[in-house]
Amino acid sequence: MPYVTSIERLGREEGHREGRREGRQEGEALVLLRLIELKFGPPSDALRAQITAADADTLLRWSERVLTAQTLDEVLG
């Protein structure tokens, strides 16, 4: 039984890591949406969907661009 317990523990730990990663990504998307709203006005539903579906690297890249971009196309380009 120790082997089964060990596998169960590893599964729970992996689940916790995945949950934390997803939570961080959701938070990054919310921050980016807020920055876009402050700079360019309320984002469309399509833009919200695009941002919430983006991976962490893309969110970071877009978040960096929002600081200097003059248009949304420059942020997402």
N, C-alpha and C. Protein backbone atom coordinates (compact mmCIF):
# COMPACT_ATOMS: atom_id res chain seq x y z
N MET A 1 0.79 -1.22 0.00
CA MET A 1 0.00 0.00 0.00
C MET A 1 0.83 1.28 0.00
N PRO A 2 2.06 1.28 0.51
CA PRO A 2 2.83 2.53 0.48
C PRO A 2 3.00 3.07 -0.93
N TYR A 3 3.13 2.18 -1.92
CA TYR A 3 3.30 2.60 -3.31
C TYR A 3 2.07 3.36 -3.79
N VAL A 4 0.88 2.84 -3.48
CA VAL A 4 -0.38 3.48 -3.88
C VAL A 4 -0.51 4.84 -3.21
N THR A 5 -0.19 4.90 -1.94
CA THR A 5 -0.25 6.17 -1.21
C THR A 5 0.70 7.19 -1.81
N SER A 6 1.88 6.74 -2.20
CA SER A 6 2.86 7.63 -2.81
C SER A 6 2.34 8.17 -4.14
N ILE A 7 1.74 7.34 -4.96
CA ILE A 7 1.18 7.77 -6.24
C ILE A 7 0.03 8.75 -6.02
N GLU A 8 -0.81 8.48 -5.05
CA GLU A 8 -1.93 9.38 -4.75
C GLU A 8 -1.39 10.75 -4.32
N ARG A 9 -0.36 10.76 -3.48
CA ARG A 9 0.22 12.02 -3.02
C ARG A 9 0.81 12.80 -4.19
N LEU A 10 1.52 12.09 -5.07
CA LEU A 10 2.10 12.76 -6.25
C LEU A 10 1.01 13.34 -7.14
N GLY A 11 -0.09 12.63 -7.28
CA GLY A 11 -1.21 13.13 -8.08
C GLY A 11 -1.81 14.39 -7.48
N ARG A 12 -1.96 14.40 -6.17
CA ARG A 12 -2.49 15.59 -5.49
C ARG A 12 -1.54 16.77 -5.64
N GLU A 13 -0.25 16.51 -5.47
CA GLU A 13 0.74 17.58 -5.60
C GLU A 13 0.74 18.17 -7.01
N GLU A 14 0.66 17.30 -8.01
CA GLU A 14 0.60 17.77 -9.41
C GLU A 14 -0.67 18.59 -9.63
N GLY A 15 -1.76 18.15 -9.05
CA GLY A 15 -3.02 18.89 -9.16
C GLY A 15 -2.92 20.26 -8.53
N HIS A 16 -2.26 20.35 -7.39
CA HIS A 16 -2.08 21.65 -6.72
C HIS A 16 -1.21 22.58 -7.57
N ARG A 17 -0.13 22.03 -8.14
CA ARG A 17 0.74 22.85 -8.99
C ARG A 17 -0.02 23.37 -10.21
N GLU A 18 -0.79 22.50 -10.83
CA GLU A 18 -1.57 22.89 -12.00
C GLU A 18 -2.60 23.96 -11.63
N GLY A 19 -3.22 23.79 -10.49
CA GLY A 19 -4.20 24.79 -10.03
C GLY A 19 -3.56 26.14 -9.78
N ARG A 20 -2.39 26.14 -9.17
CA ARG A 20 -1.68 27.41 -8.93
C ARG A 20 -1.29 28.06 -10.25
N ARG A 21 -0.81 27.26 -11.21
CA ARG A 21 -0.41 27.80 -12.51
C ARG A 21 -1.61 28.43 -13.21
N GLU A 22 -2.73 27.72 -13.20
CA GLU A 22 -3.94 28.25 -13.84
C GLU A 22 -4.41 29.52 -13.13
N GLY A 23 -4.30 29.55 -11.82
CA GLY A 23 -4.69 30.74 -11.07
C GLY A 23 -3.82 31.94 -11.40
N ARG A 24 -2.52 31.72 -11.53
CA ARG A 24 -1.61 32.81 -11.92
C ARG A 24 -1.96 33.32 -13.32
N GLN A 25 -2.21 32.40 -14.22
CA GLN A 25 -2.52 32.77 -15.59
C GLN A 25 -3.83 33.57 -15.65
N GLU A 26 -4.83 33.16 -14.90
CA GLU A 26 -6.08 33.91 -14.84
C GLU A 26 -5.85 35.31 -14.29
N GLY A 27 -5.00 35.42 -13.26
CA GLY A 27 -4.69 36.72 -12.69
C GLY A 27 -3.95 37.61 -13.68
N GLU A 28 -3.02 37.04 -14.43
CA GLU A 28 -2.30 37.81 -15.44
C GLU A 28 -3.26 38.31 -16.51
N ALA A 29 -4.21 37.48 -16.91
CA ALA A 29 -5.20 37.88 -17.92
C ALA A 29 -6.06 39.02 -17.38
N LEU A 30 -6.47 38.94 -16.12
CA LEU A 30 -7.29 40.00 -15.53
C LEU A 30 -6.53 41.32 -15.46
N VAL A 31 -5.27 41.27 -15.10
CA VAL A 31 -4.46 42.49 -15.04
C VAL A 31 -4.32 43.10 -16.44
N LEU A 32 -4.04 42.27 -17.44
CA LEU A 32 -3.91 42.77 -18.80
C LEU A 32 -5.22 43.39 -19.27
N LEU A 33 -6.33 42.74 -19.00
CA LEU A 33 -7.62 43.31 -19.39
C LEU A 33 -7.86 44.65 -18.72
N ARG A 34 -7.47 44.77 -17.48
CA ARG A 34 -7.64 46.05 -16.76
C ARG A 34 -6.76 47.13 -17.38
N LEU A 35 -5.51 46.80 -17.70
CA LEU A 35 -4.61 47.77 -18.32
C LEU A 35 -5.15 48.22 -19.68
N ILE A 36 -5.65 47.27 -20.44
CA ILE A 36 -6.22 47.61 -21.75
C ILE A 36 -7.43 48.52 -21.58
N GLU A 37 -8.26 48.22 -20.61
CA GLU A 37 -9.44 49.06 -20.37
C GLU A 37 -9.04 50.47 -19.98
N LEU A 38 -8.05 50.59 -19.12
CA LEU A 38 -7.61 51.92 -18.70
C LEU A 38 -7.00 52.73 -19.85
N LYS A 39 -6.30 52.05 -20.74
CA LYS A 39 -5.60 52.75 -21.82
C LYS A 39 -6.46 52.94 -23.07
N PHE A 40 -7.24 51.92 -23.43
CA PHE A 40 -7.95 51.94 -24.71
C PHE A 40 -9.47 51.90 -24.58
N GLY A 41 -9.98 51.77 -23.38
CA GLY A 41 -11.42 51.64 -23.19
C GLY A 41 -11.80 50.17 -23.01
N PRO A 42 -13.07 49.94 -22.74
CA PRO A 42 -13.52 48.56 -22.46
C PRO A 42 -13.21 47.61 -23.61
N PRO A 43 -12.62 46.45 -23.29
CA PRO A 43 -12.32 45.47 -24.33
C PRO A 43 -13.60 44.77 -24.81
N SER A 44 -13.61 44.40 -26.06
CA SER A 44 -14.75 43.67 -26.62
C SER A 44 -14.79 42.26 -26.04
N ASP A 45 -15.92 41.60 -26.22
CA ASP A 45 -16.03 40.21 -25.76
C ASP A 45 -15.03 39.33 -26.50
N ALA A 46 -14.82 39.60 -27.79
CA ALA A 46 -13.86 38.80 -28.57
C ALA A 46 -12.44 38.97 -28.03
N LEU A 47 -12.08 40.20 -27.67
CA LEU A 47 -10.75 40.45 -27.11
C LEU A 47 -10.62 39.78 -25.74
N ARG A 48 -11.66 39.86 -24.93
CA ARG A 48 -11.64 39.17 -23.63
C ARG A 48 -11.40 37.67 -23.81
N ALA A 49 -12.09 37.08 -24.77
CA ALA A 49 -11.94 35.65 -25.02
C ALA A 49 -10.52 35.34 -25.50
N GLN A 50 -9.97 36.18 -26.36
CA GLN A 50 -8.61 35.97 -26.86
C GLN A 50 -7.60 36.03 -25.72
N ILE A 51 -7.76 36.99 -24.84
CA ILE A 51 -6.83 37.14 -23.72
C ILE A 51 -6.97 36.01 -22.72
N THR A 52 -8.18 35.62 -22.39
CA THR A 52 -8.34 34.55 -21.40
C THR A 52 -7.89 33.19 -21.95
N ALA A 53 -7.83 33.05 -23.26
CA ALA A 53 -7.38 31.80 -23.87
C ALA A 53 -5.87 31.76 -24.10
N ALA A 54 -5.19 32.90 -23.92
CA ALA A 54 -3.76 32.99 -24.22
C ALA A 54 -2.93 32.27 -23.17
N ASP A 55 -1.76 31.78 -23.61
CA ASP A 55 -0.84 31.13 -22.67
C ASP A 55 -0.04 32.18 -21.90
N ALA A 56 0.67 31.74 -20.90
CA ALA A 56 1.39 32.65 -19.99
C ALA A 56 2.43 33.49 -20.72
N ASP A 57 3.17 32.92 -21.65
CA ASP A 57 4.20 33.68 -22.37
C ASP A 57 3.58 34.79 -23.22
N THR A 58 2.47 34.49 -23.86
CA THR A 58 1.78 35.49 -24.67
C THR A 58 1.24 36.61 -23.79
N LEU A 59 0.65 36.25 -22.67
CA LEU A 59 0.13 37.27 -21.75
C LEU A 59 1.24 38.20 -21.28
N LEU A 60 2.40 37.65 -20.98
CA LEU A 60 3.53 38.47 -20.55
C LEU A 60 3.95 39.42 -21.67
N ARG A 61 4.07 38.89 -22.87
CA ARG A 61 4.48 39.72 -24.01
C ARG A 61 3.48 40.86 -24.24
N TRP A 62 2.20 40.56 -24.22
CA TRP A 62 1.18 41.58 -24.42
C TRP A 62 1.19 42.60 -23.27
N SER A 63 1.40 42.13 -22.06
CA SER A 63 1.44 43.04 -20.91
C SER A 63 2.60 44.02 -21.01
N GLU A 64 3.72 43.57 -21.52
CA GLU A 64 4.87 44.46 -21.72
C GLU A 64 4.57 45.48 -22.81
N ARG A 65 3.93 45.04 -23.88
CA ARG A 65 3.64 45.93 -25.00
C ARG A 65 2.62 47.00 -24.67
N VAL A 66 1.69 46.70 -23.77
CA VAL A 66 0.62 47.65 -23.48
C VAL A 66 1.19 48.97 -22.92
N LEU A 67 2.38 48.91 -22.35
CA LEU A 67 2.99 50.11 -21.78
C LEU A 67 3.35 51.16 -22.83
N THR A 68 3.76 50.71 -24.01
CA THR A 68 4.22 51.66 -25.03
C THR A 68 3.34 51.70 -26.27
N ALA A 69 2.42 50.79 -26.41
CA ALA A 69 1.59 50.71 -27.60
C ALA A 69 0.64 51.91 -27.70
N GLN A 70 0.40 52.32 -28.94
CA GLN A 70 -0.56 53.39 -29.19
C GLN A 70 -1.92 52.81 -29.60
N THR A 71 -1.93 51.57 -30.03
CA THR A 71 -3.17 50.92 -30.45
C THR A 71 -3.21 49.48 -29.92
N LEU A 72 -4.39 48.90 -29.92
CA LEU A 72 -4.53 47.49 -29.52
C LEU A 72 -3.81 46.58 -30.48
N ASP A 73 -3.77 46.94 -31.76
CA ASP A 73 -3.06 46.12 -32.74
C ASP A 73 -1.57 46.03 -32.38
N GLU A 74 -1.01 47.10 -31.85
CA GLU A 74 0.39 47.08 -31.44
C GLU A 74 0.59 46.16 -30.22
N VAL A 75 -0.39 46.11 -29.35
CA VAL A 75 -0.30 45.22 -28.19
C VAL A 75 -0.34 43.77 -28.63
N LEU A 76 -1.26 43.45 -29.49
CA LEU A 76 -1.50 42.05 -29.87
C LEU A 76 -0.66 41.58 -31.06
N GLY A 77 -0.03 42.52 -31.75
CA GLY A 77 0.71 42.20 -32.98
C GLY A 77 1.91 41.33 -32.81
